[in-house]
Amino acid sequence: MFYFLYGNSPMIEFETEKITEEILEKYPNISAKYYDCALKEEDEFISALQVNSIFKTVDFLVLKRAENLKSSGIQKLFKTLKNYDLNEKNIIVLYNVPIQYGKIVTEYEITKTSIKAIEEIATFLDCTLIKENNIILNYVKDNLNITEKDAKDLIELLGSDYYHIKNETNKIAAFLDGQPYSFEKIKNLISIDKEYNMKDMVDNFFKTKNFTDILSFLETNKDSYLGIVYMLADELIVFLKLTSLINSGKISQNMNYNVFKELYNDFSDLFIGRNFKSQHPYTIFLKLNSLTYFSESFLEKKLKELLYIEYKLKTGEREINIELDLFFKKFWKDVPCY
């Protein structure tokens, strides 16, 4: 078995685990030997294959971070590997491709010529970011035997880390032991992602004007002050962009989702998420739908206040709990009346 995995985390880890389990099930007495291109160990990897090729032993070799070789290096590597007898070898090559602004960074993209060289002796698996959400979703659905909606709701609570989601899913499955799933049964069992909890509280502040739960949370999570400041700023930036689009006549608050979705491509680059991809139009539409109208000048003023709070926090010049408390108390009082 020879696999070349081309993609991103977490899907590349998911496929690696699956293939590793298949290999170890078939050959329980072997263990994987790892080589790392970031440490320039590709020559050691080739040497190991060369020696083992002569003695016809069953081996399991993993070459990590092959993206350091880039496309030209991969092509050269596979031309070399063609010279060896790999029939008794179990090999995984991991090429974790960098993504920027929703696209593969050009210098790391594998060319058609390189893919052709790979496919002559190995199975090329596309594990790019586009497919990862379905992989995680199916993992949760299949292991807990739950609906897609329940799986999505659970994933949102658990966060975005693949291993955390997997561990929590396995913990829930063991707890239920075949019994039907319900959130009420497992809500005290799971480790809800702290970041999700913070985000939920920030959303609640803008919807209900209540901030006491944020201050209570920060009393016991003093390392999260800066995180709350950043989340508040992120929300205000989205509000500012939406307000600007409304004021320019490009969108309106009372438009339906289908109309918004058609228009979204024209300004989606304003709403880039963590993975350097445009956020899903429905995410932004929900914010538009529940948006309290603030003037652009008001939003800019509040963003400057958060920048000031961040500066004072980092320099230690002021008590951050007092600064944030004042920010929350003044926020709705400062909103201009129209």
C-alpha atoms as a PDB file:
ATOM      1  CA  MET A   1       0.000   0.000   0.000  1.00  0.00           C
ATOM      2  CA  PHE A   2       1.443   3.339  -1.079  1.00  0.00           C
ATOM      3  CA  TYR A   3      -0.518   6.539  -0.476  1.00  0.00           C
ATOM      4  CA  PHE A   4       0.258  10.167  -1.229  1.00  0.00           C
ATOM      5  CA  LEU A   5      -2.002  12.418   0.875  1.00  0.00           C
ATOM      6  CA  TYR A   6      -2.345  15.944  -0.482  1.00  0.00           C
ATOM      7  CA  GLY A   7      -4.404  18.360   1.570  1.00  0.00           C
ATOM      8  CA  ASN A   8      -4.993  20.160   4.846  1.00  0.00           C
ATOM      9  CA  SER A   9      -5.679  19.575   8.490  1.00  0.00           C
ATOM     10  CA  PRO A  10      -7.850  17.986   9.799  1.00  0.00           C
ATOM     11  CA  MET A  11      -8.820  15.856   6.795  1.00  0.00           C
ATOM     12  CA  ILE A  12      -5.242  14.778   6.102  1.00  0.00           C
ATOM     13  CA  GLU A  13      -4.971  13.492   9.711  1.00  0.00           C
ATOM     14  CA  PHE A  14      -8.319  11.725   9.366  1.00  0.00           C
ATOM     15  CA  GLU A  15      -7.195   9.859   6.236  1.00  0.00           C
ATOM     16  CA  THR A  16      -3.780   9.088   7.773  1.00  0.00           C
ATOM     17  CA  GLU A  17      -5.432   7.504  10.813  1.00  0.00           C
ATOM     18  CA  LYS A  18      -7.786   5.465   8.651  1.00  0.00           C
ATOM     19  CA  ILE A  19      -4.990   4.122   6.416  1.00  0.00           C
ATOM     20  CA  THR A  20      -2.737   3.443   9.428  1.00  0.00           C
ATOM     21  CA  GLU A  21      -5.499   1.385  11.067  1.00  0.00           C
ATOM     22  CA  GLU A  22      -5.926  -0.650   7.857  1.00  0.00           C
ATOM     23  CA  ILE A  23      -2.190  -1.345   7.634  1.00  0.00           C
ATOM     24  CA  LEU A  24      -1.811  -2.328  11.309  1.00  0.00           C
ATOM     25  CA  GLU A  25      -4.876  -4.557  11.120  1.00  0.00           C
ATOM     26  CA  LYS A  26      -3.295  -6.404   8.206  1.00  0.00           C
ATOM     27  CA  TYR A  27       0.240  -6.409   9.682  1.00  0.00           C
ATOM     28  CA  PRO A  28      -0.168  -6.250  13.518  1.00  0.00           C
ATOM     29  CA  ASN A  29       3.512  -6.939  14.199  1.00  0.00           C
ATOM     30  CA  ILE A  30       4.951  -3.914  12.385  1.00  0.00           C
ATOM     31  CA  SER A  31       5.243  -0.324  13.568  1.00  0.00           C
ATOM     32  CA  ALA A  32       5.559   2.880  11.592  1.00  0.00           C
ATOM     33  CA  LYS A  33       8.912   4.583  11.043  1.00  0.00           C
ATOM     34  CA  TYR A  34       8.649   8.350  10.576  1.00  0.00           C
ATOM     35  CA  TYR A  35      10.779  10.654   8.455  1.00  0.00           C
ATOM     36  CA  ASP A  36      10.373  14.425   8.328  1.00  0.00           C
ATOM     37  CA  CYS A  37      11.152  16.584   5.296  1.00  0.00           C
ATOM     38  CA  ALA A  38      11.233  19.658   7.539  1.00  0.00           C
ATOM     39  CA  LEU A  39      14.301  18.021   9.151  1.00  0.00           C
ATOM     40  CA  LYS A  40      15.663  17.081   5.699  1.00  0.00           C
ATOM     41  CA  GLU A  41      15.182  13.349   6.385  1.00  0.00           C
ATOM     42  CA  GLU A  42      13.958  12.475   2.884  1.00  0.00           C
ATOM     43  CA  ASP A  43      17.361  10.951   2.031  1.00  0.00           C
ATOM     44  CA  GLU A  44      17.096   8.692   5.103  1.00  0.00           C
ATOM     45  CA  PHE A  45      13.595   7.719   3.923  1.00  0.00           C
ATOM     46  CA  ILE A  46      14.987   6.738   0.494  1.00  0.00           C
ATOM     47  CA  SER A  47      17.889   4.847   2.093  1.00  0.00           C
ATOM     48  CA  ALA A  48      15.471   2.879   4.294  1.00  0.00           C
ATOM     49  CA  LEU A  49      13.433   1.920   1.239  1.00  0.00           C
ATOM     50  CA  GLN A  50      16.564   0.958  -0.672  1.00  0.00           C
ATOM     51  CA  VAL A  51      17.840  -1.358   2.089  1.00  0.00           C
ATOM     52  CA  ASN A  52      14.442  -2.891   2.770  1.00  0.00           C
ATOM     53  CA  SER A  53      13.846  -3.370  -0.954  1.00  0.00           C
ATOM     54  CA  ILE A  54      16.867  -5.684  -1.109  1.00  0.00           C
ATOM     55  CA  PHE A  55      15.785  -7.824   1.881  1.00  0.00           C
ATOM     56  CA  LYS A  56      12.081  -7.996   0.884  1.00  0.00           C
ATOM     57  CA  THR A  57      10.830  -7.212   4.404  1.00  0.00           C
ATOM     58  CA  VAL A  58       7.351  -5.871   5.187  1.00  0.00           C
ATOM     59  CA  ASP A  59       7.717  -2.296   6.393  1.00  0.00           C
ATOM     60  CA  PHE A  60       5.632   0.747   7.225  1.00  0.00           C
ATOM     61  CA  LEU A  61       7.237   4.099   6.423  1.00  0.00           C
ATOM     62  CA  VAL A  62       5.729   7.577   6.764  1.00  0.00           C
ATOM     63  CA  LEU A  63       7.269  10.664   5.167  1.00  0.00           C
ATOM     64  CA  LYS A  64       5.898  13.801   6.869  1.00  0.00           C
ATOM     65  CA  ARG A  65       5.797  17.434   5.714  1.00  0.00           C
ATOM     66  CA  ALA A  66       6.632  16.603   2.121  1.00  0.00           C
ATOM     67  CA  GLU A  67       5.362  20.076   1.158  1.00  0.00           C
ATOM     68  CA  ASN A  68       8.866  21.277   2.015  1.00  0.00           C
ATOM     69  CA  LEU A  69      10.039  19.549  -1.191  1.00  0.00           C
ATOM     70  CA  LYS A  70       7.420  21.413  -3.260  1.00  0.00           C
ATOM     71  CA  SER A  71       6.202  20.079  -6.584  1.00  0.00           C
ATOM     72  CA  SER A  72       9.598  19.795  -8.290  1.00  0.00           C
ATOM     73  CA  GLY A  73      11.091  17.905  -5.328  1.00  0.00           C
ATOM     74  CA  ILE A  74       8.139  15.512  -5.229  1.00  0.00           C
ATOM     75  CA  GLN A  75       8.528  14.765  -8.929  1.00  0.00           C
ATOM     76  CA  LYS A  76      12.217  14.007  -8.384  1.00  0.00           C
ATOM     77  CA  LEU A  77      11.449  11.843  -5.327  1.00  0.00           C
ATOM     78  CA  PHE A  78       8.925   9.670  -7.176  1.00  0.00           C
ATOM     79  CA  LYS A  79      11.219   9.195 -10.166  1.00  0.00           C
ATOM     80  CA  THR A  80      13.751   7.770  -7.685  1.00  0.00           C
ATOM     81  CA  LEU A  81      11.174   5.570  -5.944  1.00  0.00           C
ATOM     82  CA  LYS A  82      10.218   3.964  -9.267  1.00  0.00           C
ATOM     83  CA  ASN A  83      13.579   2.180  -9.177  1.00  0.00           C
ATOM     84  CA  TYR A  84      12.726   0.205  -6.036  1.00  0.00           C
ATOM     85  CA  ASP A  85      10.626  -2.886  -5.411  1.00  0.00           C
ATOM     86  CA  LEU A  86       7.828  -1.549  -3.214  1.00  0.00           C
ATOM     87  CA  ASN A  87       5.558  -4.585  -3.260  1.00  0.00           C
ATOM     88  CA  GLU A  88       6.033  -5.393   0.424  1.00  0.00           C
ATOM     89  CA  LYS A  89       6.106  -1.777   1.538  1.00  0.00           C
ATOM     90  CA  ASN A  90       3.419   0.252   3.278  1.00  0.00           C
ATOM     91  CA  ILE A  91       4.134   3.894   2.625  1.00  0.00           C
ATOM     92  CA  ILE A  92       2.358   7.150   3.408  1.00  0.00           C
ATOM     93  CA  VAL A  93       3.646  10.488   2.121  1.00  0.00           C
ATOM     94  CA  LEU A  94       1.977  13.526   3.731  1.00  0.00           C
ATOM     95  CA  TYR A  95       1.859  16.784   1.779  1.00  0.00           C
ATOM     96  CA  ASN A  96       0.071  19.369   3.966  1.00  0.00           C
ATOM     97  CA  VAL A  97      -0.509  22.172   1.513  1.00  0.00           C
ATOM     98  CA  PRO A  98      -0.684  25.788   2.807  1.00  0.00           C
ATOM     99  CA  ILE A  99      -3.912  27.724   2.122  1.00  0.00           C
ATOM    100  CA  GLN A 100      -4.123  31.510   1.855  1.00  0.00           C
ATOM    101  CA  TYR A 101      -7.264  33.514   1.101  1.00  0.00           C
ATOM    102  CA  GLY A 102      -9.125  30.295   0.339  1.00  0.00           C
ATOM    103  CA  LYS A 103      -6.612  29.138  -2.288  1.00  0.00           C
ATOM    104  CA  ILE A 104      -3.575  26.880  -2.330  1.00  0.00           C
ATOM    105  CA  VAL A 105      -0.364  28.899  -2.128  1.00  0.00           C
ATOM    106  CA  THR A 106       0.950  28.751  -5.709  1.00  0.00           C
ATOM    107  CA  GLU A 107       4.517  27.688  -4.953  1.00  0.00           C
ATOM    108  CA  TYR A 108       3.254  24.626  -3.063  1.00  0.00           C
ATOM    109  CA  GLU A 109       0.665  23.491  -5.599  1.00  0.00           C
ATOM    110  CA  ILE A 110       1.313  20.073  -7.125  1.00  0.00           C
ATOM    111  CA  THR A 111       1.522  20.179 -10.929  1.00  0.00           C
ATOM    112  CA  LYS A 112      -0.228  17.728 -13.234  1.00  0.00           C
ATOM    113  CA  THR A 113       3.176  16.312 -14.194  1.00  0.00           C
ATOM    114  CA  SER A 114       3.981  15.600 -10.537  1.00  0.00           C
ATOM    115  CA  ILE A 115       0.567  14.009  -9.947  1.00  0.00           C
ATOM    116  CA  LYS A 116       1.142  11.786 -12.976  1.00  0.00           C
ATOM    117  CA  ALA A 117       4.527  10.687 -11.560  1.00  0.00           C
ATOM    118  CA  ILE A 118       2.895   9.962  -8.178  1.00  0.00           C
ATOM    119  CA  GLU A 119       0.026   7.938  -9.673  1.00  0.00           C
ATOM    120  CA  GLU A 120       2.413   5.645 -11.553  1.00  0.00           C
ATOM    121  CA  ILE A 121       3.392   3.978  -8.255  1.00  0.00           C
ATOM    122  CA  ALA A 122       1.035   5.318  -5.539  1.00  0.00           C
ATOM    123  CA  THR A 123      -2.580   6.240  -4.793  1.00  0.00           C
ATOM    124  CA  PHE A 124      -3.053   9.999  -4.854  1.00  0.00           C
ATOM    125  CA  LEU A 125      -5.651  11.131  -2.285  1.00  0.00           C
ATOM    126  CA  ASP A 126      -7.066  14.658  -2.416  1.00  0.00           C
ATOM    127  CA  CYS A 127      -7.548  15.774   1.202  1.00  0.00           C
ATOM    128  CA  THR A 128      -7.987  19.470   0.578  1.00  0.00           C
ATOM    129  CA  LEU A 129      -9.878  21.773   2.924  1.00  0.00           C
ATOM    130  CA  ILE A 130     -13.018  21.773   0.790  1.00  0.00           C
ATOM    131  CA  LYS A 131     -13.889  18.229   1.878  1.00  0.00           C
ATOM    132  CA  GLU A 132     -13.020  18.442   5.582  1.00  0.00           C
ATOM    133  CA  ASN A 133     -16.387  19.600   6.951  1.00  0.00           C
ATOM    134  CA  ASN A 134     -18.212  16.598   5.456  1.00  0.00           C
ATOM    135  CA  ILE A 135     -15.580  14.210   6.803  1.00  0.00           C
ATOM    136  CA  ILE A 136     -15.964  15.550  10.361  1.00  0.00           C
ATOM    137  CA  LEU A 137     -19.742  15.703  10.077  1.00  0.00           C
ATOM    138  CA  ASN A 138     -19.974  12.089   8.871  1.00  0.00           C
ATOM    139  CA  TYR A 139     -17.618  10.927  11.624  1.00  0.00           C
ATOM    140  CA  VAL A 140     -19.880  12.407  14.302  1.00  0.00           C
ATOM    141  CA  LYS A 141     -23.098  11.206  12.621  1.00  0.00           C
ATOM    142  CA  ASP A 142     -21.852   7.645  12.107  1.00  0.00           C
ATOM    143  CA  ASN A 143     -20.326   7.188  15.553  1.00  0.00           C
ATOM    144  CA  LEU A 144     -23.294   8.605  17.470  1.00  0.00           C
ATOM    145  CA  ASN A 145     -26.019   7.514  15.023  1.00  0.00           C
ATOM    146  CA  ILE A 146     -27.584  10.991  15.049  1.00  0.00           C
ATOM    147  CA  THR A 147     -29.186  13.366  12.564  1.00  0.00           C
ATOM    148  CA  GLU A 148     -27.161  15.819  10.513  1.00  0.00           C
ATOM    149  CA  LYS A 149     -28.683  18.754  12.416  1.00  0.00           C
ATOM    150  CA  ASP A 150     -27.729  17.268  15.804  1.00  0.00           C
ATOM    151  CA  ALA A 151     -24.212  16.541  14.510  1.00  0.00           C
ATOM    152  CA  LYS A 152     -23.773  20.118  13.261  1.00  0.00           C
ATOM    153  CA  ASP A 153     -25.046  21.558  16.552  1.00  0.00           C
ATOM    154  CA  LEU A 154     -22.656  19.355  18.526  1.00  0.00           C
ATOM    155  CA  ILE A 155     -19.662  20.239  16.314  1.00  0.00           C
ATOM    156  CA  GLU A 156     -20.400  23.943  16.753  1.00  0.00           C
ATOM    157  CA  LEU A 157     -20.260  23.480  20.533  1.00  0.00           C
ATOM    158  CA  LEU A 158     -17.039  21.463  20.426  1.00  0.00           C
ATOM    159  CA  GLY A 159     -15.083  23.888  18.247  1.00  0.00           C
ATOM    160  CA  SER A 160     -12.931  23.361  15.158  1.00  0.00           C
ATOM    161  CA  ASP A 161     -10.102  21.123  16.404  1.00  0.00           C
ATOM    162  CA  TYR A 162     -10.407  17.695  14.760  1.00  0.00           C
ATOM    163  CA  TYR A 163      -8.819  15.741  17.619  1.00  0.00           C
ATOM    164  CA  HIS A 164     -10.980  17.439  20.247  1.00  0.00           C
ATOM    165  CA  ILE A 165     -14.131  16.654  18.221  1.00  0.00           C
ATOM    166  CA  LYS A 166     -13.018  13.049  17.743  1.00  0.00           C
ATOM    167  CA  ASN A 167     -12.158  12.525  21.416  1.00  0.00           C
ATOM    168  CA  GLU A 168     -15.420  14.067  22.605  1.00  0.00           C
ATOM    169  CA  THR A 169     -17.410  12.004  20.069  1.00  0.00           C
ATOM    170  CA  ASN A 170     -15.766   8.802  21.260  1.00  0.00           C
ATOM    171  CA  LYS A 171     -16.397   9.789  24.893  1.00  0.00           C
ATOM    172  CA  ILE A 172     -20.102  10.386  24.159  1.00  0.00           C
ATOM    173  CA  ALA A 173     -20.405   7.080  22.244  1.00  0.00           C
ATOM    174  CA  ALA A 174     -18.870   5.167  25.163  1.00  0.00           C
ATOM    175  CA  PHE A 175     -21.188   6.933  27.619  1.00  0.00           C
ATOM    176  CA  LEU A 176     -24.345   6.235  25.592  1.00  0.00           C
ATOM    177  CA  ASP A 177     -23.315   2.622  24.960  1.00  0.00           C
ATOM    178  CA  GLY A 178     -25.880   2.157  22.188  1.00  0.00           C
ATOM    179  CA  GLN A 179     -28.627   4.225  23.820  1.00  0.00           C
ATOM    180  CA  PRO A 180     -30.346   6.912  21.680  1.00  0.00           C
ATOM    181  CA  TYR A 181     -28.611  10.287  21.623  1.00  0.00           C
ATOM    182  CA  SER A 182     -30.065  13.430  23.158  1.00  0.00           C
ATOM    183  CA  PHE A 183     -28.240  16.604  24.081  1.00  0.00           C
ATOM    184  CA  GLU A 184     -29.810  16.608  27.553  1.00  0.00           C
ATOM    185  CA  LYS A 185     -28.120  13.262  28.283  1.00  0.00           C
ATOM    186  CA  ILE A 186     -24.623  14.388  27.332  1.00  0.00           C
ATOM    187  CA  LYS A 187     -24.518  18.148  27.976  1.00  0.00           C
ATOM    188  CA  ASN A 188     -22.715  17.730  31.330  1.00  0.00           C
ATOM    189  CA  LEU A 189     -20.292  15.218  29.827  1.00  0.00           C
ATOM    190  CA  ILE A 190     -18.771  17.234  26.990  1.00  0.00           C
ATOM    191  CA  SER A 191     -16.000  19.823  27.165  1.00  0.00           C
ATOM    192  CA  ILE A 192     -17.606  22.782  25.438  1.00  0.00           C
ATOM    193  CA  ASP A 193     -15.080  24.825  23.526  1.00  0.00           C
ATOM    194  CA  LYS A 194     -14.201  27.893  25.628  1.00  0.00           C
ATOM    195  CA  GLU A 195     -13.980  30.010  22.510  1.00  0.00           C
ATOM    196  CA  TYR A 196     -17.508  29.011  21.507  1.00  0.00           C
ATOM    197  CA  ASN A 197     -18.734  29.980  24.974  1.00  0.00           C
ATOM    198  CA  MET A 198     -17.063  33.391  24.678  1.00  0.00           C
ATOM    199  CA  LYS A 199     -18.505  33.942  21.222  1.00  0.00           C
ATOM    200  CA  ASP A 200     -21.979  33.050  22.464  1.00  0.00           C
ATOM    201  CA  MET A 201     -21.699  35.608  25.288  1.00  0.00           C
ATOM    202  CA  VAL A 202     -20.516  38.345  22.905  1.00  0.00           C
ATOM    203  CA  ASP A 203     -23.411  37.588  20.532  1.00  0.00           C
ATOM    204  CA  ASN A 204     -25.781  37.735  23.491  1.00  0.00           C
ATOM    205  CA  PHE A 205     -24.452  41.167  24.520  1.00  0.00           C
ATOM    206  CA  PHE A 206     -25.354  42.660  21.135  1.00  0.00           C
ATOM    207  CA  LYS A 207     -28.770  40.958  21.130  1.00  0.00           C
ATOM    208  CA  THR A 208     -29.878  41.543  24.732  1.00  0.00           C
ATOM    209  CA  LYS A 209     -27.543  44.325  26.038  1.00  0.00           C
ATOM    210  CA  ASN A 210     -26.665  41.987  28.929  1.00  0.00           C
ATOM    211  CA  PHE A 211     -22.971  41.773  29.819  1.00  0.00           C
ATOM    212  CA  THR A 212     -23.010  40.409  33.373  1.00  0.00           C
ATOM    213  CA  ASP A 213     -22.342  36.856  32.147  1.00  0.00           C
ATOM    214  CA  ILE A 214     -19.207  38.090  30.332  1.00  0.00           C
ATOM    215  CA  LEU A 215     -17.860  39.780  33.471  1.00  0.00           C
ATOM    216  CA  SER A 216     -18.648  36.686  35.572  1.00  0.00           C
ATOM    217  CA  PHE A 217     -16.875  34.487  33.035  1.00  0.00           C
ATOM    218  CA  LEU A 218     -13.796  36.772  33.053  1.00  0.00           C
ATOM    219  CA  GLU A 219     -13.556  36.635  36.854  1.00  0.00           C
ATOM    220  CA  THR A 220     -12.674  32.944  36.613  1.00  0.00           C
ATOM    221  CA  ASN A 221     -10.964  33.080  33.177  1.00  0.00           C
ATOM    222  CA  LYS A 222      -8.557  35.987  33.508  1.00  0.00           C
ATOM    223  CA  ASP A 223      -6.536  34.777  30.526  1.00  0.00           C
ATOM    224  CA  SER A 224      -9.545  35.480  28.269  1.00  0.00           C
ATOM    225  CA  TYR A 225      -9.742  39.274  28.564  1.00  0.00           C
ATOM    226  CA  LEU A 226      -7.849  39.844  25.331  1.00  0.00           C
ATOM    227  CA  GLY A 227      -9.917  37.166  23.576  1.00  0.00           C
ATOM    228  CA  ILE A 228     -13.142  38.981  24.523  1.00  0.00           C
ATOM    229  CA  VAL A 229     -11.699  42.300  23.303  1.00  0.00           C
ATOM    230  CA  TYR A 230     -10.817  40.718  19.939  1.00  0.00           C
ATOM    231  CA  MET A 231     -14.255  39.081  19.586  1.00  0.00           C
ATOM    232  CA  LEU A 232     -16.002  42.380  20.351  1.00  0.00           C
ATOM    233  CA  ALA A 233     -13.809  44.080  17.750  1.00  0.00           C
ATOM    234  CA  ASP A 234     -14.514  41.358  15.164  1.00  0.00           C
ATOM    235  CA  GLU A 235     -18.272  41.806  15.636  1.00  0.00           C
ATOM    236  CA  LEU A 236     -18.055  45.588  15.374  1.00  0.00           C
ATOM    237  CA  ILE A 237     -15.985  45.308  12.195  1.00  0.00           C
ATOM    238  CA  VAL A 238     -18.650  43.050  10.636  1.00  0.00           C
ATOM    239  CA  PHE A 239     -21.347  45.532  11.747  1.00  0.00           C
ATOM    240  CA  LEU A 240     -19.350  48.386  10.234  1.00  0.00           C
ATOM    241  CA  LYS A 241     -18.981  46.589   6.902  1.00  0.00           C
ATOM    242  CA  LEU A 242     -22.679  45.690   6.783  1.00  0.00           C
ATOM    243  CA  THR A 243     -23.679  49.244   7.727  1.00  0.00           C
ATOM    244  CA  SER A 244     -21.446  50.626   4.979  1.00  0.00           C
ATOM    245  CA  LEU A 245     -23.022  48.245   2.448  1.00  0.00           C
ATOM    246  CA  ILE A 246     -26.518  49.296   3.577  1.00  0.00           C
ATOM    247  CA  ASN A 247     -25.643  52.993   3.375  1.00  0.00           C
ATOM    248  CA  SER A 248     -24.211  52.552  -0.127  1.00  0.00           C
ATOM    249  CA  GLY A 249     -27.433  50.850  -1.276  1.00  0.00           C
ATOM    250  CA  LYS A 250     -25.792  47.503  -2.103  1.00  0.00           C
ATOM    251  CA  ILE A 251     -27.896  45.558   0.414  1.00  0.00           C
ATOM    252  CA  SER A 252     -30.842  46.147   2.729  1.00  0.00           C
ATOM    253  CA  GLN A 253     -31.869  44.615   6.035  1.00  0.00           C
ATOM    254  CA  ASN A 254     -35.234  43.395   4.768  1.00  0.00           C
ATOM    255  CA  MET A 255     -33.942  41.441   1.747  1.00  0.00           C
ATOM    256  CA  ASN A 256     -34.438  37.667   1.723  1.00  0.00           C
ATOM    257  CA  TYR A 257     -31.606  35.162   1.819  1.00  0.00           C
ATOM    258  CA  ASN A 258     -31.792  34.108  -1.851  1.00  0.00           C
ATOM    259  CA  VAL A 259     -31.339  37.713  -3.001  1.00  0.00           C
ATOM    260  CA  PHE A 260     -28.519  38.273  -0.495  1.00  0.00           C
ATOM    261  CA  LYS A 261     -26.766  35.072  -1.597  1.00  0.00           C
ATOM    262  CA  GLU A 262     -26.808  36.206  -5.253  1.00  0.00           C
ATOM    263  CA  LEU A 263     -25.247  39.546  -4.311  1.00  0.00           C
ATOM    264  CA  TYR A 264     -22.752  38.124  -1.803  1.00  0.00           C
ATOM    265  CA  ASN A 265     -20.061  37.226  -4.356  1.00  0.00           C
ATOM    266  CA  ASP A 266     -19.672  40.929  -5.158  1.00  0.00           C
ATOM    267  CA  PHE A 267     -18.435  41.735  -1.646  1.00  0.00           C
ATOM    268  CA  SER A 268     -17.552  38.343  -0.074  1.00  0.00           C
ATOM    269  CA  ASP A 269     -13.886  39.373   0.132  1.00  0.00           C
ATOM    270  CA  LEU A 270     -14.915  41.780   2.919  1.00  0.00           C
ATOM    271  CA  PHE A 271     -15.789  38.824   5.155  1.00  0.00           C
ATOM    272  CA  ILE A 272     -12.692  36.620   5.248  1.00  0.00           C
ATOM    273  CA  GLY A 273     -12.697  33.985   8.012  1.00  0.00           C
ATOM    274  CA  ARG A 274      -9.945  32.211   9.926  1.00  0.00           C
ATOM    275  CA  ASN A 275      -9.025  29.871   7.094  1.00  0.00           C
ATOM    276  CA  PHE A 276      -8.525  32.854   4.772  1.00  0.00           C
ATOM    277  CA  LYS A 277     -11.749  31.890   3.010  1.00  0.00           C
ATOM    278  CA  SER A 278     -14.844  34.009   2.597  1.00  0.00           C
ATOM    279  CA  GLN A 279     -17.364  33.161   5.287  1.00  0.00           C
ATOM    280  CA  HIS A 280     -20.522  31.361   4.245  1.00  0.00           C
ATOM    281  CA  PRO A 281     -23.185  33.830   3.020  1.00  0.00           C
ATOM    282  CA  TYR A 282     -25.743  32.477   5.490  1.00  0.00           C
ATOM    283  CA  THR A 283     -23.468  33.349   8.447  1.00  0.00           C
ATOM    284  CA  ILE A 284     -23.279  36.963   7.294  1.00  0.00           C
ATOM    285  CA  PHE A 285     -26.979  37.054   6.385  1.00  0.00           C
ATOM    286  CA  LEU A 286     -27.903  36.081   9.964  1.00  0.00           C
ATOM    287  CA  LYS A 287     -25.836  38.991  11.279  1.00  0.00           C
ATOM    288  CA  LEU A 288     -27.525  41.323   8.785  1.00  0.00           C
ATOM    289  CA  ASN A 289     -30.938  39.992   9.789  1.00  0.00           C
ATOM    290  CA  SER A 290     -30.378  40.682  13.495  1.00  0.00           C
ATOM    291  CA  LEU A 291     -28.320  43.870  13.034  1.00  0.00           C
ATOM    292  CA  THR A 292     -29.126  46.816  15.287  1.00  0.00           C
ATOM    293  CA  TYR A 293     -28.523  49.891  13.166  1.00  0.00           C
ATOM    294  CA  PHE A 294     -25.449  51.801  14.335  1.00  0.00           C
ATOM    295  CA  SER A 295     -23.971  54.753  12.485  1.00  0.00           C
ATOM    296  CA  GLU A 296     -20.574  54.223  10.898  1.00  0.00           C
ATOM    297  CA  SER A 297     -19.080  56.980  13.075  1.00  0.00           C
ATOM    298  CA  PHE A 298     -20.396  55.283  16.251  1.00  0.00           C
ATOM    299  CA  LEU A 299     -18.890  51.930  15.256  1.00  0.00           C
ATOM    300  CA  GLU A 300     -15.557  53.542  14.400  1.00  0.00           C
ATOM    301  CA  LYS A 301     -15.555  55.293  17.789  1.00  0.00           C
ATOM    302  CA  LYS A 302     -16.193  52.021  19.638  1.00  0.00           C
ATOM    303  CA  LEU A 303     -13.465  50.224  17.678  1.00  0.00           C
ATOM    304  CA  LYS A 304     -11.011  52.958  18.723  1.00  0.00           C
ATOM    305  CA  GLU A 305     -12.055  52.437  22.353  1.00  0.00           C
ATOM    306  CA  LEU A 306     -11.328  48.702  22.055  1.00  0.00           C
ATOM    307  CA  LEU A 307      -7.953  49.481  20.479  1.00  0.00           C
ATOM    308  CA  TYR A 308      -7.208  51.717  23.474  1.00  0.00           C
ATOM    309  CA  ILE A 309      -8.287  48.963  25.903  1.00  0.00           C
ATOM    310  CA  GLU A 310      -6.043  46.448  24.091  1.00  0.00           C
ATOM    311  CA  TYR A 311      -3.083  48.839  24.316  1.00  0.00           C
ATOM    312  CA  LYS A 312      -3.654  49.479  28.038  1.00  0.00           C
ATOM    313  CA  LEU A 313      -3.989  45.746  28.677  1.00  0.00           C
ATOM    314  CA  LYS A 314      -0.722  44.945  26.916  1.00  0.00           C
ATOM    315  CA  THR A 315       1.192  47.781  28.635  1.00  0.00           C
ATOM    316  CA  GLY A 316      -0.379  47.099  32.035  1.00  0.00           C
ATOM    317  CA  GLU A 317      -1.201  50.781  32.533  1.00  0.00           C
ATOM    318  CA  ARG A 318      -4.857  50.306  33.509  1.00  0.00           C
ATOM    319  CA  GLU A 319      -7.047  47.693  35.196  1.00  0.00           C
ATOM    320  CA  ILE A 320      -8.554  45.752  32.303  1.00  0.00           C
ATOM    321  CA  ASN A 321     -11.623  44.649  34.295  1.00  0.00           C
ATOM    322  CA  ILE A 322     -12.505  48.291  35.026  1.00  0.00           C
ATOM    323  CA  GLU A 323     -11.929  49.343  31.405  1.00  0.00           C
ATOM    324  CA  LEU A 324     -14.140  46.585  29.992  1.00  0.00           C
ATOM    325  CA  ASP A 325     -16.826  47.186  32.603  1.00  0.00           C
ATOM    326  CA  LEU A 326     -16.963  50.874  31.567  1.00  0.00           C
ATOM    327  CA  PHE A 327     -17.008  49.918  27.877  1.00  0.00           C
ATOM    328  CA  PHE A 328     -20.044  47.669  28.369  1.00  0.00           C
ATOM    329  CA  LYS A 329     -21.914  50.150  30.575  1.00  0.00           C
ATOM    330  CA  LYS A 330     -21.372  53.064  28.179  1.00  0.00           C
ATOM    331  CA  PHE A 331     -21.956  51.154  24.939  1.00  0.00           C
ATOM    332  CA  TRP A 332     -25.746  51.364  24.712  1.00  0.00           C
ATOM    333  CA  LYS A 333     -25.872  54.794  26.413  1.00  0.00           C
ATOM    334  CA  ASP A 334     -23.625  56.192  23.667  1.00  0.00           C
ATOM    335  CA  VAL A 335     -25.796  54.900  20.809  1.00  0.00           C
ATOM    336  CA  PRO A 336     -27.187  57.997  19.010  1.00  0.00           C
ATOM    337  CA  CYS A 337     -30.956  58.344  18.906  1.00  0.00           C
ATOM    338  CA  TYR A 338     -32.547  58.686  15.451  1.00  0.00           C
END
